[in-house]
Amino acid sequence: MKSLSNCKHFILILFAIIISCTDTGDDVQDIYVEDFLKKNDGTEWLLSNDNLKVYIRLNDNVEQLIEQWRYQEELDCYEYNPNIFSPGNLKIVENLTHEMTIEGDPVLSDYEHMTLSRQGNTLKVHITITEWQEETVYFIISTLQLEDLEKCIVENENKIDWLD
């Protein structure tokens, strides 16, 4: 009988410990993890080599996902493109914390997938063009304010004017 009584006391003590250690939820905070687009919204990047100078800005807005400024050496100005994707030419298939994958339209697009990932001050863009062809380019974080770049615009196909 004494062992049964000890067992009941043990169960009551164990139950009391479990109840006292149970979280009431009062101090629980919602954990919010930013996705790639939110985390990199407004960041500006530079791709530069001997023959090419391109700046881009990432936006948390599908209508203006990636803005582009491409240097035109012969005109000494930057050709501005408010969105490098044609309407309907992309589908964001993954938007994780450290990377985003975009799928191109099978008919309209000249790529299958594009994956953007950031490692510190470097933006890696891996492009799957076809099943057998891939390319990776690396952008570095821009130190310029892109709004200050000298833009050129095309008034018609034969003439380019300056945009201040």
C-alpha atoms as a PDB file:
ATOM      1  CA  MET A   1       0.000   0.000   0.000  1.00  0.00           C
ATOM      2  CA  LYS A   2       2.838   2.341   0.816  1.00  0.00           C
ATOM      3  CA  SER A   3       4.281   1.977  -2.720  1.00  0.00           C
ATOM      4  CA  LEU A   4       0.894   2.829  -4.248  1.00  0.00           C
ATOM      5  CA  SER A   5       0.711   5.933  -2.072  1.00  0.00           C
ATOM      6  CA  ASN A   6       4.263   6.941  -3.084  1.00  0.00           C
ATOM      7  CA  CYS A   7       3.353   6.394  -6.718  1.00  0.00           C
ATOM      8  CA  LYS A   8       0.306   8.715  -6.386  1.00  0.00           C
ATOM      9  CA  HIS A   9       2.482  11.399  -4.780  1.00  0.00           C
ATOM     10  CA  PHE A  10       5.052  11.026  -7.534  1.00  0.00           C
ATOM     11  CA  ILE A  11       2.368  11.394 -10.240  1.00  0.00           C
ATOM     12  CA  LEU A  12       0.901  14.476  -8.506  1.00  0.00           C
ATOM     13  CA  ILE A  13       4.338  16.084  -8.208  1.00  0.00           C
ATOM     14  CA  LEU A  14       5.144  15.265 -11.845  1.00  0.00           C
ATOM     15  CA  PHE A  15       1.774  16.687 -12.950  1.00  0.00           C
ATOM     16  CA  ALA A  16       2.406  19.885 -10.934  1.00  0.00           C
ATOM     17  CA  ILE A  17       5.842  20.298 -12.545  1.00  0.00           C
ATOM     18  CA  ILE A  18       4.422  19.829 -16.030  1.00  0.00           C
ATOM     19  CA  ILE A  19       1.647  22.368 -15.399  1.00  0.00           C
ATOM     20  CA  SER A  20       4.038  24.941 -13.929  1.00  0.00           C
ATOM     21  CA  CYS A  21       6.434  24.610 -16.885  1.00  0.00           C
ATOM     22  CA  THR A  22       3.781  24.867 -19.574  1.00  0.00           C
ATOM     23  CA  ASP A  23       4.033  28.035 -21.636  1.00  0.00           C
ATOM     24  CA  THR A  24       0.926  30.184 -21.426  1.00  0.00           C
ATOM     25  CA  GLY A  25       1.764  31.909 -24.670  1.00  0.00           C
ATOM     26  CA  ASP A  26       1.850  35.350 -23.059  1.00  0.00           C
ATOM     27  CA  ASP A  27       5.524  35.856 -23.842  1.00  0.00           C
ATOM     28  CA  VAL A  28       5.502  34.194 -27.256  1.00  0.00           C
ATOM     29  CA  GLN A  29       6.485  36.560 -30.048  1.00  0.00           C
ATOM     30  CA  ASP A  30       5.602  36.011 -33.666  1.00  0.00           C
ATOM     31  CA  ILE A  31       8.650  35.013 -35.651  1.00  0.00           C
ATOM     32  CA  TYR A  32       8.750  36.896 -38.944  1.00  0.00           C
ATOM     33  CA  VAL A  33      11.281  35.914 -41.566  1.00  0.00           C
ATOM     34  CA  GLU A  34      11.704  38.277 -44.487  1.00  0.00           C
ATOM     35  CA  ASP A  35      11.702  36.747 -47.932  1.00  0.00           C
ATOM     36  CA  PHE A  36      14.358  37.598 -50.536  1.00  0.00           C
ATOM     37  CA  LEU A  37      12.383  40.410 -52.176  1.00  0.00           C
ATOM     38  CA  LYS A  38      11.452  42.151 -48.938  1.00  0.00           C
ATOM     39  CA  LYS A  39      14.976  41.795 -47.599  1.00  0.00           C
ATOM     40  CA  ASN A  40      16.568  43.196 -50.779  1.00  0.00           C
ATOM     41  CA  ASP A  41      13.918  45.738 -51.791  1.00  0.00           C
ATOM     42  CA  GLY A  42      15.616  48.845 -53.188  1.00  0.00           C
ATOM     43  CA  THR A  43      19.144  47.384 -53.229  1.00  0.00           C
ATOM     44  CA  GLU A  44      21.289  48.536 -56.138  1.00  0.00           C
ATOM     45  CA  TRP A  45      23.908  46.424 -57.909  1.00  0.00           C
ATOM     46  CA  LEU A  46      26.670  46.791 -60.521  1.00  0.00           C
ATOM     47  CA  LEU A  47      27.866  44.333 -63.169  1.00  0.00           C
ATOM     48  CA  SER A  48      30.999  45.655 -64.811  1.00  0.00           C
ATOM     49  CA  ASN A  49      33.695  44.298 -67.091  1.00  0.00           C
ATOM     50  CA  ASP A  50      35.732  45.635 -70.036  1.00  0.00           C
ATOM     51  CA  ASN A  51      32.774  45.689 -72.448  1.00  0.00           C
ATOM     52  CA  LEU A  52      29.777  46.134 -70.186  1.00  0.00           C
ATOM     53  CA  LYS A  53      28.502  48.297 -67.347  1.00  0.00           C
ATOM     54  CA  VAL A  54      25.019  47.542 -66.031  1.00  0.00           C
ATOM     55  CA  TYR A  55      23.320  48.704 -62.852  1.00  0.00           C
ATOM     56  CA  ILE A  56      20.173  47.080 -61.517  1.00  0.00           C
ATOM     57  CA  ARG A  57      17.761  47.780 -58.665  1.00  0.00           C
ATOM     58  CA  LEU A  58      15.678  45.004 -57.071  1.00  0.00           C
ATOM     59  CA  ASN A  59      12.114  45.918 -56.133  1.00  0.00           C
ATOM     60  CA  ASP A  60       9.483  44.115 -54.109  1.00  0.00           C
ATOM     61  CA  ASN A  61       7.024  44.781 -56.941  1.00  0.00           C
ATOM     62  CA  VAL A  62       6.389  42.309 -59.751  1.00  0.00           C
ATOM     63  CA  GLU A  63       5.452  45.134 -62.156  1.00  0.00           C
ATOM     64  CA  GLN A  64       8.905  46.672 -61.678  1.00  0.00           C
ATOM     65  CA  LEU A  65      10.871  43.717 -60.306  1.00  0.00           C
ATOM     66  CA  ILE A  66      14.305  44.610 -61.717  1.00  0.00           C
ATOM     67  CA  GLU A  67      15.115  48.070 -63.046  1.00  0.00           C
ATOM     68  CA  GLN A  68      18.157  48.343 -65.302  1.00  0.00           C
ATOM     69  CA  TRP A  69      20.596  51.098 -66.306  1.00  0.00           C
ATOM     70  CA  ARG A  70      22.911  49.981 -69.150  1.00  0.00           C
ATOM     71  CA  TYR A  71      25.815  52.222 -70.123  1.00  0.00           C
ATOM     72  CA  GLN A  72      25.941  53.266 -73.780  1.00  0.00           C
ATOM     73  CA  GLU A  73      29.581  54.243 -74.303  1.00  0.00           C
ATOM     74  CA  GLU A  74      29.097  55.882 -77.719  1.00  0.00           C
ATOM     75  CA  LEU A  75      26.441  58.193 -76.231  1.00  0.00           C
ATOM     76  CA  ASP A  76      27.986  58.541 -72.767  1.00  0.00           C
ATOM     77  CA  CYS A  77      24.652  57.912 -71.042  1.00  0.00           C
ATOM     78  CA  TYR A  78      22.645  55.114 -69.460  1.00  0.00           C
ATOM     79  CA  GLU A  79      19.751  53.426 -71.219  1.00  0.00           C
ATOM     80  CA  TYR A  80      17.055  52.948 -68.589  1.00  0.00           C
ATOM     81  CA  ASN A  81      14.648  50.016 -68.534  1.00  0.00           C
ATOM     82  CA  PRO A  82      12.019  50.171 -65.752  1.00  0.00           C
ATOM     83  CA  ASN A  83      11.511  46.378 -65.826  1.00  0.00           C
ATOM     84  CA  ILE A  84      13.747  43.864 -67.588  1.00  0.00           C
ATOM     85  CA  PHE A  85      10.841  41.406 -67.818  1.00  0.00           C
ATOM     86  CA  SER A  86       8.047  41.707 -70.366  1.00  0.00           C
ATOM     87  CA  PRO A  87       4.535  41.605 -68.901  1.00  0.00           C
ATOM     88  CA  GLY A  88       3.521  37.988 -68.323  1.00  0.00           C
ATOM     89  CA  ASN A  89       7.086  36.823 -68.890  1.00  0.00           C
ATOM     90  CA  LEU A  90       7.853  35.742 -65.345  1.00  0.00           C
ATOM     91  CA  LYS A  91       6.542  33.728 -62.473  1.00  0.00           C
ATOM     92  CA  ILE A  92       8.194  33.836 -59.056  1.00  0.00           C
ATOM     93  CA  VAL A  93       8.298  30.166 -58.107  1.00  0.00           C
ATOM     94  CA  GLU A  94      10.403  30.530 -54.958  1.00  0.00           C
ATOM     95  CA  ASN A  95      10.987  33.534 -52.697  1.00  0.00           C
ATOM     96  CA  LEU A  96      12.989  32.293 -49.725  1.00  0.00           C
ATOM     97  CA  THR A  97      15.114  34.247 -47.258  1.00  0.00           C
ATOM     98  CA  HIS A  98      18.381  33.925 -49.170  1.00  0.00           C
ATOM     99  CA  GLU A  99      17.290  33.319 -52.753  1.00  0.00           C
ATOM    100  CA  MET A 100      14.540  33.826 -55.283  1.00  0.00           C
ATOM    101  CA  THR A 101      13.797  31.757 -58.396  1.00  0.00           C
ATOM    102  CA  ILE A 102      11.944  33.143 -61.381  1.00  0.00           C
ATOM    103  CA  GLU A 103      10.494  30.967 -64.110  1.00  0.00           C
ATOM    104  CA  GLY A 104      10.275  32.390 -67.606  1.00  0.00           C
ATOM    105  CA  ASP A 105       7.294  31.954 -69.887  1.00  0.00           C
ATOM    106  CA  PRO A 106       7.979  29.003 -72.234  1.00  0.00           C
ATOM    107  CA  VAL A 107       6.902  31.016 -75.302  1.00  0.00           C
ATOM    108  CA  LEU A 108       7.872  34.621 -74.518  1.00  0.00           C
ATOM    109  CA  SER A 109      11.081  34.144 -72.565  1.00  0.00           C
ATOM    110  CA  ASP A 110      14.668  33.545 -73.623  1.00  0.00           C
ATOM    111  CA  TYR A 111      15.427  31.716 -70.347  1.00  0.00           C
ATOM    112  CA  GLU A 112      13.891  28.861 -68.360  1.00  0.00           C
ATOM    113  CA  HIS A 113      14.824  29.822 -64.794  1.00  0.00           C
ATOM    114  CA  MET A 114      16.701  32.621 -63.105  1.00  0.00           C
ATOM    115  CA  THR A 115      17.877  32.271 -59.505  1.00  0.00           C
ATOM    116  CA  LEU A 116      19.078  35.300 -57.553  1.00  0.00           C
ATOM    117  CA  SER A 117      20.971  34.845 -54.306  1.00  0.00           C
ATOM    118  CA  ARG A 118      22.891  37.256 -52.135  1.00  0.00           C
ATOM    119  CA  GLN A 119      26.120  36.590 -50.282  1.00  0.00           C
ATOM    120  CA  GLY A 120      27.111  39.773 -48.440  1.00  0.00           C
ATOM    121  CA  ASN A 121      27.936  42.463 -51.011  1.00  0.00           C
ATOM    122  CA  THR A 122      27.596  40.088 -53.971  1.00  0.00           C
ATOM    123  CA  LEU A 123      24.455  39.213 -55.910  1.00  0.00           C
ATOM    124  CA  LYS A 124      24.706  35.937 -57.830  1.00  0.00           C
ATOM    125  CA  VAL A 125      22.342  35.527 -60.788  1.00  0.00           C
ATOM    126  CA  HIS A 126      22.261  31.991 -62.171  1.00  0.00           C
ATOM    127  CA  ILE A 127      20.378  31.738 -65.467  1.00  0.00           C
ATOM    128  CA  THR A 128      19.225  28.452 -66.986  1.00  0.00           C
ATOM    129  CA  ILE A 129      18.802  29.349 -70.634  1.00  0.00           C
ATOM    130  CA  THR A 130      18.028  25.844 -71.877  1.00  0.00           C
ATOM    131  CA  GLU A 131      18.390  22.375 -70.454  1.00  0.00           C
ATOM    132  CA  TRP A 132      21.990  22.355 -71.732  1.00  0.00           C
ATOM    133  CA  GLN A 133      22.984  25.995 -71.376  1.00  0.00           C
ATOM    134  CA  GLU A 134      23.509  27.959 -68.163  1.00  0.00           C
ATOM    135  CA  GLU A 135      25.242  31.181 -67.214  1.00  0.00           C
ATOM    136  CA  THR A 136      26.112  32.800 -63.916  1.00  0.00           C
ATOM    137  CA  VAL A 137      26.884  36.491 -63.450  1.00  0.00           C
ATOM    138  CA  TYR A 138      27.927  38.309 -60.302  1.00  0.00           C
ATOM    139  CA  PHE A 139      26.916  41.845 -59.344  1.00  0.00           C
ATOM    140  CA  ILE A 140      28.536  43.857 -56.566  1.00  0.00           C
ATOM    141  CA  ILE A 141      26.652  46.294 -54.386  1.00  0.00           C
ATOM    142  CA  SER A 142      26.563  49.738 -55.977  1.00  0.00           C
ATOM    143  CA  THR A 143      28.176  52.726 -54.337  1.00  0.00           C
ATOM    144  CA  LEU A 144      26.403  55.187 -56.661  1.00  0.00           C
ATOM    145  CA  GLN A 145      22.891  56.546 -56.404  1.00  0.00           C
ATOM    146  CA  LEU A 146      21.261  55.259 -59.583  1.00  0.00           C
ATOM    147  CA  GLU A 147      18.908  58.218 -59.777  1.00  0.00           C
ATOM    148  CA  ASP A 148      22.000  60.394 -60.371  1.00  0.00           C
ATOM    149  CA  LEU A 149      23.090  58.519 -63.515  1.00  0.00           C
ATOM    150  CA  GLU A 150      22.815  60.419 -66.788  1.00  0.00           C
ATOM    151  CA  LYS A 151      19.949  58.728 -68.648  1.00  0.00           C
ATOM    152  CA  CYS A 152      19.452  58.712 -72.392  1.00  0.00           C
ATOM    153  CA  ILE A 153      16.110  58.033 -74.011  1.00  0.00           C
ATOM    154  CA  VAL A 154      15.034  57.092 -77.498  1.00  0.00           C
ATOM    155  CA  GLU A 155      12.584  59.599 -79.006  1.00  0.00           C
ATOM    156  CA  ASN A 156      12.388  57.565 -82.165  1.00  0.00           C
ATOM    157  CA  GLU A 157      14.478  54.733 -83.574  1.00  0.00           C
ATOM    158  CA  ASN A 158      16.918  57.101 -85.316  1.00  0.00           C
ATOM    159  CA  LYS A 159      17.575  59.646 -82.575  1.00  0.00           C
ATOM    160  CA  ILE A 160      18.563  59.498 -78.916  1.00  0.00           C
ATOM    161  CA  ASP A 161      18.216  62.546 -76.664  1.00  0.00           C
ATOM    162  CA  TRP A 162      19.427  63.232 -73.143  1.00  0.00           C
ATOM    163  CA  LEU A 163      17.163  62.917 -70.127  1.00  0.00           C
ATOM    164  CA  ASP A 164      18.232  64.971 -67.146  1.00  0.00           C
END
